[in-house]
N, C-alpha and C. Protein backbone atom coordinates (compact mmCIF):
# COMPACT_ATOMS: atom_id res chain seq x y z
N MET A 1 25.52 -1.47 -66.06
CA MET A 1 25.95 -3.14 -64.52
C MET A 1 24.73 -3.67 -65.25
N MET A 2 23.57 -3.13 -64.89
CA MET A 2 22.53 -3.90 -65.24
C MET A 2 22.00 -4.18 -65.96
N GLY A 3 22.78 -3.92 -67.26
CA GLY A 3 21.89 -4.64 -68.44
C GLY A 3 22.58 -5.86 -68.80
N SER A 4 24.45 -5.64 -67.46
CA SER A 4 25.04 -7.16 -68.69
C SER A 4 24.07 -7.95 -66.99
N GLU A 5 23.84 -7.89 -66.23
CA GLU A 5 23.55 -8.23 -65.60
C GLU A 5 22.30 -9.33 -66.02
N ILE A 6 21.52 -8.70 -66.54
CA ILE A 6 19.36 -9.61 -67.21
C ILE A 6 20.41 -10.46 -68.03
N VAL A 7 21.89 -10.10 -69.12
CA VAL A 7 21.73 -10.44 -70.44
C VAL A 7 21.57 -12.34 -69.53
N ARG A 8 22.70 -11.95 -68.77
CA ARG A 8 24.13 -12.42 -68.24
C ARG A 8 22.95 -14.28 -66.94
N GLU A 9 21.59 -13.25 -66.46
CA GLU A 9 20.60 -13.88 -66.34
C GLU A 9 19.60 -14.56 -67.81
N SER A 10 19.90 -14.16 -68.09
CA SER A 10 19.16 -14.38 -69.42
C SER A 10 19.84 -15.51 -70.49
N VAL A 11 21.26 -16.42 -69.89
CA VAL A 11 22.00 -16.02 -71.02
C VAL A 11 21.64 -17.97 -70.16
N LEU A 12 22.41 -17.48 -69.04
CA LEU A 12 22.29 -18.72 -68.10
C LEU A 12 20.62 -19.19 -68.47
N MET A 13 19.87 -18.67 -67.52
CA MET A 13 18.11 -18.89 -67.80
C MET A 13 18.26 -20.68 -69.05
N MET A 14 18.87 -19.83 -70.49
CA MET A 14 18.19 -20.51 -71.61
C MET A 14 19.97 -22.03 -71.54
N LEU A 15 20.29 -22.36 -70.84
CA LEU A 15 21.59 -22.90 -70.87
C LEU A 15 21.16 -24.15 -70.06
N LEU A 16 20.45 -23.28 -68.47
CA LEU A 16 20.10 -24.53 -67.82
C LEU A 16 19.48 -25.43 -68.66
N GLY A 17 18.53 -25.33 -69.08
CA GLY A 17 18.01 -26.60 -69.36
C GLY A 17 18.92 -27.86 -70.26
N THR A 18 20.24 -27.35 -70.84
CA THR A 18 20.18 -28.10 -71.72
C THR A 18 21.53 -28.45 -71.21
N MET A 19 21.75 -28.37 -69.39
CA MET A 19 23.26 -28.81 -68.95
C MET A 19 22.80 -29.80 -68.22
N SER A 20 23.49 -31.17 -67.27
CA SER A 20 23.11 -32.10 -66.82
C SER A 20 23.33 -31.04 -65.30
N ALA A 21 22.96 -31.67 -64.30
CA ALA A 21 22.55 -31.11 -62.81
C ALA A 21 24.36 -31.34 -62.31
N GLU A 22 25.30 -31.96 -63.20
CA GLU A 22 27.06 -31.73 -62.19
C GLU A 22 26.69 -29.75 -62.92
N GLN A 23 26.74 -29.90 -64.66
CA GLN A 23 27.15 -28.85 -65.64
C GLN A 23 26.89 -27.93 -64.34
N ARG A 24 25.25 -27.67 -63.95
CA ARG A 24 24.11 -26.78 -63.49
C ARG A 24 24.96 -26.26 -62.14
N ALA A 25 25.40 -27.11 -61.69
CA ALA A 25 26.48 -26.97 -60.01
C ALA A 25 27.03 -26.41 -60.30
N ALA A 26 28.61 -26.92 -61.06
CA ALA A 26 29.87 -27.18 -61.14
C ALA A 26 29.45 -25.33 -61.92
N SER A 27 28.29 -24.77 -63.85
CA SER A 27 27.75 -23.35 -63.43
C SER A 27 27.93 -21.98 -62.77
N PHE A 28 27.39 -22.85 -61.74
CA PHE A 28 27.06 -21.91 -60.44
C PHE A 28 28.09 -21.30 -59.95
N LEU A 29 28.90 -22.16 -59.02
CA LEU A 29 29.75 -22.02 -58.55
C LEU A 29 30.73 -21.10 -59.35
N PHE A 30 31.23 -21.22 -60.28
CA PHE A 30 31.59 -19.88 -61.27
C PHE A 30 31.73 -19.63 -61.25
N ASN A 31 30.49 -19.23 -61.95
CA ASN A 31 30.35 -17.22 -62.05
C ASN A 31 30.40 -17.01 -61.25
N LEU A 32 29.92 -17.46 -59.91
CA LEU A 32 29.50 -16.87 -58.56
C LEU A 32 31.27 -16.07 -57.38
N SER A 33 32.19 -17.31 -58.69
CA SER A 33 32.74 -17.47 -58.36
C SER A 33 33.97 -15.88 -58.97
N GLN A 34 33.68 -15.73 -60.20
CA GLN A 34 34.07 -15.02 -61.55
C GLN A 34 33.26 -13.63 -60.83
N ARG A 35 31.91 -13.55 -60.19
CA ARG A 35 31.47 -12.19 -60.29
C ARG A 35 32.19 -11.71 -58.72
N LEU A 36 32.53 -12.54 -57.91
CA LEU A 36 33.41 -12.34 -57.30
C LEU A 36 34.55 -11.75 -56.83
N LYS A 37 35.15 -12.11 -57.61
CA LYS A 37 37.02 -11.88 -58.03
C LYS A 37 36.19 -9.79 -58.82
N ALA A 38 35.36 -9.80 -60.18
CA ALA A 38 35.59 -9.12 -60.23
C ALA A 38 35.09 -7.94 -59.49
N ARG A 39 34.96 -7.91 -58.39
CA ARG A 39 34.66 -7.61 -57.25
C ARG A 39 35.12 -6.89 -57.17
N GLY A 40 36.41 -7.99 -56.39
CA GLY A 40 36.82 -7.52 -55.76
C GLY A 40 37.60 -8.45 -54.07
N TYR A 41 36.33 -9.69 -54.44
CA TYR A 41 36.54 -10.04 -53.16
C TYR A 41 37.30 -12.04 -54.22
N SER A 42 37.91 -12.29 -53.18
CA SER A 42 38.18 -13.55 -53.64
C SER A 42 36.92 -14.69 -54.15
N PRO A 43 37.69 -15.19 -54.69
CA PRO A 43 37.15 -16.02 -56.10
C PRO A 43 37.72 -17.46 -55.49
N ALA A 44 38.21 -17.94 -54.77
CA ALA A 44 38.59 -19.09 -54.39
C ALA A 44 37.89 -19.67 -52.89
N GLU A 45 37.59 -18.61 -51.54
CA GLU A 45 36.61 -19.29 -51.15
C GLU A 45 35.62 -18.18 -50.11
N PHE A 46 35.20 -17.85 -50.41
CA PHE A 46 33.73 -17.75 -49.98
C PHE A 46 32.59 -17.68 -48.88
N ASN A 47 31.63 -17.72 -48.52
CA ASN A 47 29.77 -17.84 -47.70
C ASN A 47 29.42 -17.34 -49.24
N LEU A 48 28.68 -19.00 -48.92
CA LEU A 48 27.21 -19.27 -50.72
C LEU A 48 26.50 -18.53 -48.93
N ARG A 49 25.22 -17.22 -49.18
CA ARG A 49 24.50 -15.81 -48.87
C ARG A 49 23.30 -18.22 -49.27
N MET A 50 22.74 -18.35 -50.07
CA MET A 50 22.03 -18.62 -50.24
C MET A 50 21.99 -20.21 -49.92
N ALA A 51 21.08 -21.38 -49.29
CA ALA A 51 20.77 -22.72 -48.90
C ALA A 51 20.84 -23.39 -49.67
N ARG A 52 21.13 -24.29 -49.09
CA ARG A 52 21.24 -25.60 -50.72
C ARG A 52 20.17 -25.63 -51.34
N GLU A 53 18.59 -25.94 -51.09
CA GLU A 53 17.38 -25.04 -51.28
C GLU A 53 16.88 -24.78 -52.48
N GLU A 54 17.40 -23.61 -51.72
CA GLU A 54 18.02 -21.74 -52.85
C GLU A 54 18.39 -22.25 -53.56
N ILE A 55 19.49 -22.75 -53.80
CA ILE A 55 20.50 -22.96 -54.88
C ILE A 55 19.11 -24.07 -56.14
N GLY A 56 18.98 -24.98 -55.24
CA GLY A 56 18.67 -25.34 -56.01
C GLY A 56 16.89 -25.90 -56.78
N SER A 57 16.50 -24.32 -55.95
CA SER A 57 15.45 -23.56 -56.69
C SER A 57 15.75 -22.49 -58.04
N TYR A 58 16.99 -22.56 -57.83
CA TYR A 58 17.69 -20.42 -58.87
C TYR A 58 17.80 -22.05 -60.17
N LEU A 59 18.66 -22.88 -59.67
CA LEU A 59 18.73 -24.15 -60.90
C LEU A 59 17.87 -25.16 -61.32
N GLY A 60 16.98 -25.03 -60.20
CA GLY A 60 16.69 -26.76 -61.50
C GLY A 60 16.50 -27.28 -60.86
N MET A 61 16.85 -27.72 -59.52
CA MET A 61 17.02 -28.77 -59.07
C MET A 61 16.51 -29.21 -57.43
N LYS A 62 16.89 -29.83 -56.97
CA LYS A 62 16.48 -30.28 -55.96
C LYS A 62 17.47 -30.23 -55.67
N LEU A 63 17.22 -30.41 -53.63
CA LEU A 63 17.90 -29.89 -52.95
C LEU A 63 18.64 -30.43 -52.34
N GLU A 64 18.77 -32.49 -52.56
CA GLU A 64 19.40 -33.60 -52.25
C GLU A 64 20.39 -34.00 -53.47
N THR A 65 19.94 -33.16 -54.95
CA THR A 65 20.91 -33.10 -55.95
C THR A 65 21.37 -32.54 -55.91
N VAL A 66 21.35 -30.73 -55.22
CA VAL A 66 22.50 -29.16 -55.08
C VAL A 66 23.63 -30.89 -54.02
N SER A 67 23.18 -30.75 -52.95
CA SER A 67 24.25 -31.01 -51.71
C SER A 67 24.52 -32.82 -52.97
N ARG A 68 24.37 -33.17 -53.23
CA ARG A 68 24.83 -34.69 -54.45
C ARG A 68 25.96 -34.20 -54.87
N MET A 69 26.10 -32.92 -55.62
CA MET A 69 26.66 -32.71 -56.39
C MET A 69 27.82 -31.74 -56.13
N PHE A 70 27.66 -31.08 -54.71
CA PHE A 70 28.37 -30.17 -53.55
C PHE A 70 30.13 -31.46 -52.94
N LEU A 71 28.96 -32.64 -52.85
CA LEU A 71 30.00 -33.36 -52.20
C LEU A 71 30.54 -34.17 -53.33
N LYS A 72 30.56 -34.18 -54.62
CA LYS A 72 31.08 -34.38 -55.68
C LYS A 72 32.33 -34.68 -55.96
N PHE A 73 31.70 -33.48 -55.68
CA PHE A 73 32.98 -31.46 -56.37
C PHE A 73 34.39 -32.17 -54.96
N GLN A 74 33.61 -32.45 -54.04
CA GLN A 74 34.26 -32.06 -53.26
C GLN A 74 35.26 -33.82 -52.56
N ARG A 75 34.89 -35.00 -52.90
CA ARG A 75 35.48 -36.00 -54.09
C ARG A 75 36.60 -35.73 -54.55
N ASP A 76 35.93 -34.87 -55.81
CA ASP A 76 37.03 -34.97 -57.16
C ASP A 76 37.78 -34.07 -56.43
N GLY A 77 37.93 -32.31 -55.08
CA GLY A 77 39.01 -32.28 -55.13
C GLY A 77 39.10 -31.15 -55.79
N LEU A 78 37.36 -30.89 -56.33
CA LEU A 78 37.24 -29.56 -56.95
C LEU A 78 37.51 -27.94 -55.42
N THR A 79 36.67 -28.76 -54.93
CA THR A 79 36.02 -28.46 -53.52
C THR A 79 36.76 -28.15 -52.67
N ASP A 80 36.22 -27.63 -50.96
CA ASP A 80 36.29 -28.66 -49.62
C ASP A 80 34.99 -27.32 -48.95
N ALA A 81 33.93 -28.05 -48.93
CA ALA A 81 32.97 -27.09 -48.51
C ALA A 81 32.41 -27.67 -46.71
N ARG A 82 31.78 -26.94 -46.00
CA ARG A 82 31.82 -26.81 -44.78
C ARG A 82 31.07 -25.79 -44.38
N GLY A 83 29.65 -27.05 -44.00
CA GLY A 83 28.26 -25.88 -44.38
C GLY A 83 28.19 -24.91 -45.87
N LYS A 84 28.41 -23.67 -44.83
CA LYS A 84 28.00 -21.96 -45.75
C LYS A 84 29.86 -21.82 -46.44
N GLN A 85 30.74 -22.28 -45.64
CA GLN A 85 32.14 -21.91 -46.62
C GLN A 85 32.14 -22.73 -47.79
N ILE A 86 32.23 -22.09 -48.65
CA ILE A 86 33.50 -23.02 -50.37
C ILE A 86 34.28 -22.44 -50.09
N ARG A 87 35.50 -23.83 -50.26
CA ARG A 87 37.34 -23.34 -51.24
C ARG A 87 36.63 -24.07 -52.06
N ILE A 88 36.81 -22.98 -53.22
CA ILE A 88 37.24 -24.10 -54.53
C ILE A 88 38.88 -24.08 -54.21
N VAL A 89 39.22 -25.53 -54.72
CA VAL A 89 41.05 -25.27 -54.78
C VAL A 89 41.45 -25.64 -56.60
N ASP A 90 40.59 -26.53 -56.97
CA ASP A 90 40.70 -26.47 -59.23
C ASP A 90 39.84 -25.64 -59.73
N LEU A 91 39.99 -24.25 -59.68
CA LEU A 91 38.17 -23.51 -60.46
C LEU A 91 39.02 -24.22 -61.63
N LYS A 92 40.08 -24.54 -62.77
CA LYS A 92 39.96 -25.26 -64.31
C LYS A 92 39.15 -26.33 -63.87
N GLY A 93 39.64 -27.12 -63.28
CA GLY A 93 38.53 -28.19 -62.76
C GLY A 93 36.83 -28.25 -62.97
N LEU A 94 36.56 -26.94 -62.42
CA LEU A 94 35.19 -26.86 -62.68
C LEU A 94 34.39 -26.14 -63.48
N ALA A 95 35.66 -25.71 -64.71
CA ALA A 95 35.52 -24.59 -65.03
C ALA A 95 35.36 -25.57 -66.36
N ARG A 96 36.13 -27.09 -66.51
CA ARG A 96 35.86 -27.85 -66.91
C ARG A 96 34.62 -27.99 -68.00
N ILE A 97 33.96 -28.84 -66.03
CA ILE A 97 32.29 -29.22 -66.30
C ILE A 97 31.41 -29.00 -66.75
N GLN A 98 31.83 -27.61 -67.06
CA GLN A 98 30.41 -26.56 -66.39
C GLN A 98 30.58 -26.21 -68.59
N VAL A 99 31.37 -26.86 -69.21
CA VAL A 99 30.93 -26.86 -71.22
C VAL A 99 30.77 -27.99 -71.50
């Protein structure tokens, strides 16, 4: 399990250099959703344990950019966010963005 996490992280770091801000944020939410699903939790509704600033640091983006992307996803009907509570409305749509 630890080995697969290391591989997943290294692939993610390589991809982040070539992705747009929108793709990075979508990939973050999609991957988090899939990891929660694999552990038996809801892939569609969850609490973010990280602050927007921490997410930005992890993704190589500024806090404002993370907030802007999350707001865009909400306006586009992909997610519904209320503070740290995230509900993914359109998982397939989110997956299409990260490609």
